[in-house]
Amino acid sequence: MFMIEGNTITLSRGDTGIVTIGVSGYTFGSNDRAIFSISGNSGQVAVRQELPIENNLVTVEFTNDDTDDWKPGDYEWDIRYVVNPIYDGSGDSRQIIDGDEVITPNLPMKLKLLPTVGQI
């Protein structure tokens, strides 16, 4: 199951899905990025994806590996926009650490992970 109601994402453990998030109030450039994050009850970030912003849209893809080994329950997610990002180094493992502007448009939102009987 993969469902979006308002700002709540509900999915079964290990399921796949795509969320497209529209960005308003600012026109982003080709180098600007979105950071999509999911955290558990401990506050530890379980997923962090740095994504392009194309035509003021951000596409977030959930794969089987993203949640296959997680415990069912309630999680939180948010998205942050980074204008002219600054990276911690170079190469494939580099991460955004700052930018000219960092914009968090919403408070953390809910992600409900449902149990499954089998595992893939």
Protein backbone atom coordinates (compact mmCIF):
# COMPACT_ATOMS: atom_id res chain seq x y z
CA MET A 1 0.00 0.00 0.00
CA PHE A 2 1.21 3.47 -0.83
CA MET A 3 -1.10 6.40 -0.10
CA ILE A 4 -0.84 10.14 0.44
CA GLU A 5 -3.53 12.04 2.33
CA GLY A 6 -2.71 15.71 2.79
CA ASN A 7 0.85 15.70 4.14
CA THR A 8 0.67 12.16 5.57
CA ILE A 9 2.43 9.37 3.69
CA THR A 10 1.22 5.83 4.45
CA LEU A 11 3.04 2.81 3.08
CA SER A 12 3.50 -0.84 3.82
CA ARG A 13 6.99 -1.88 4.91
CA GLY A 14 9.19 -2.37 1.83
CA ASP A 15 6.68 -0.99 -0.68
CA THR A 16 7.63 1.31 -3.53
CA GLY A 17 6.08 4.60 -4.58
CA ILE A 18 6.66 8.07 -5.94
CA VAL A 19 5.71 11.43 -4.42
CA THR A 20 5.91 14.64 -6.44
CA ILE A 21 6.07 17.78 -4.30
CA GLY A 22 5.32 21.18 -5.77
CA VAL A 23 7.41 24.13 -4.62
CA SER A 24 5.88 27.61 -4.54
CA GLY A 25 7.00 31.06 -3.55
CA TYR A 26 10.44 30.87 -5.12
CA THR A 27 11.89 30.03 -8.52
CA PHE A 28 14.78 27.62 -8.04
CA GLY A 29 17.83 27.33 -10.29
CA SER A 30 19.32 24.21 -11.81
CA ASN A 31 21.97 23.91 -9.06
CA ASP A 32 19.53 24.26 -6.15
CA ARG A 33 18.53 21.10 -4.30
CA ALA A 34 15.87 19.65 -2.02
CA ILE A 35 16.73 17.45 0.96
CA PHE A 36 14.05 14.89 1.80
CA SER A 37 14.47 13.27 5.23
CA ILE A 38 12.66 10.67 7.33
CA SER A 39 13.35 10.17 11.03
CA GLY A 40 12.15 7.64 13.58
CA ASN A 41 11.03 8.03 17.18
CA SER A 42 14.62 8.51 18.33
CA GLY A 43 14.99 11.50 16.02
CA GLN A 44 17.75 9.74 14.08
CA VAL A 45 17.52 10.34 10.34
CA ALA A 46 16.79 7.03 8.59
CA VAL A 47 16.54 8.40 5.03
CA ARG A 48 18.24 11.45 3.52
CA GLN A 49 17.89 12.10 -0.19
CA GLU A 50 19.38 15.11 -1.97
CA LEU A 51 17.19 15.75 -4.99
CA PRO A 52 17.07 18.15 -7.93
CA ILE A 53 14.28 20.72 -8.19
CA GLU A 54 12.99 20.70 -11.76
CA ASN A 55 10.29 23.13 -12.89
CA ASN A 56 9.61 23.79 -9.18
CA LEU A 57 8.83 20.09 -8.62
CA VAL A 58 10.68 17.56 -6.48
CA THR A 59 10.21 13.84 -7.12
CA VAL A 60 10.83 11.48 -4.20
CA GLU A 61 11.08 7.77 -4.96
CA PHE A 62 10.62 5.08 -2.32
CA THR A 63 12.36 1.78 -3.06
CA ASN A 64 12.03 -1.57 -1.32
CA ASP A 65 15.36 -1.04 0.49
CA ASP A 66 14.23 2.28 1.99
CA THR A 67 11.85 0.71 4.54
CA ASP A 68 12.12 -3.09 4.17
CA ASP A 69 13.93 -3.58 7.49
CA TRP A 70 12.15 -0.88 9.50
CA LYS A 71 9.78 -1.51 12.38
CA PRO A 72 6.19 -0.57 11.56
CA GLY A 73 5.03 2.58 13.28
CA ASP A 74 4.97 6.35 13.04
CA TYR A 75 7.84 8.33 11.54
CA GLU A 76 8.29 11.97 10.55
CA TRP A 77 9.41 13.46 7.25
CA ASP A 78 10.29 16.87 5.96
CA ILE A 79 11.71 18.55 2.91
CA ARG A 80 14.15 21.45 2.88
CA TYR A 81 15.23 23.56 -0.07
CA VAL A 82 18.84 24.70 -0.44
CA VAL A 83 19.72 27.62 -2.72
CA ASN A 84 23.28 27.45 -4.10
CA PRO A 85 24.28 24.45 -1.95
CA ILE A 86 27.68 24.07 -0.34
CA TYR A 87 29.06 20.53 -0.19
CA ASP A 88 31.41 18.88 2.31
CA GLY A 89 33.79 17.63 -0.35
CA SER A 90 33.79 16.10 -3.79
CA GLY A 91 32.90 12.78 -5.34
CA ASP A 92 29.92 10.47 -4.97
CA SER A 93 29.76 10.59 -1.18
CA ARG A 94 29.63 14.37 -0.81
CA GLN A 95 26.69 15.87 1.06
CA ILE A 96 25.13 19.30 1.29
CA ILE A 97 26.20 21.05 4.49
CA ASP A 98 24.97 24.61 3.86
CA GLY A 99 23.82 27.04 1.20
CA ASP A 100 23.08 30.68 0.49
CA GLU A 101 19.54 30.01 1.72
CA VAL A 102 17.99 27.02 3.49
CA ILE A 103 14.19 26.97 3.44
CA THR A 104 12.01 24.60 5.50
CA PRO A 105 8.43 25.26 4.37
CA ASN A 106 6.60 23.03 6.88
CA LEU A 107 6.85 21.49 10.32
CA PRO A 108 7.71 17.77 10.29
CA MET A 109 4.93 15.69 8.73
CA LYS A 110 3.77 12.10 9.38
CA LEU A 111 4.83 8.90 7.68
CA LYS A 112 2.96 5.77 8.78
CA LEU A 113 4.72 2.50 8.09
CA LEU A 114 2.34 -0.46 8.07
CA PRO A 115 3.32 -4.04 8.86
CA THR A 116 3.50 -6.80 6.27
CA VAL A 117 3.30 -10.58 6.72
CA GLY A 118 6.05 -11.44 4.26
CA GLN A 119 9.28 -9.75 3.39
CA ILE A 120 10.94 -9.27 -0.01
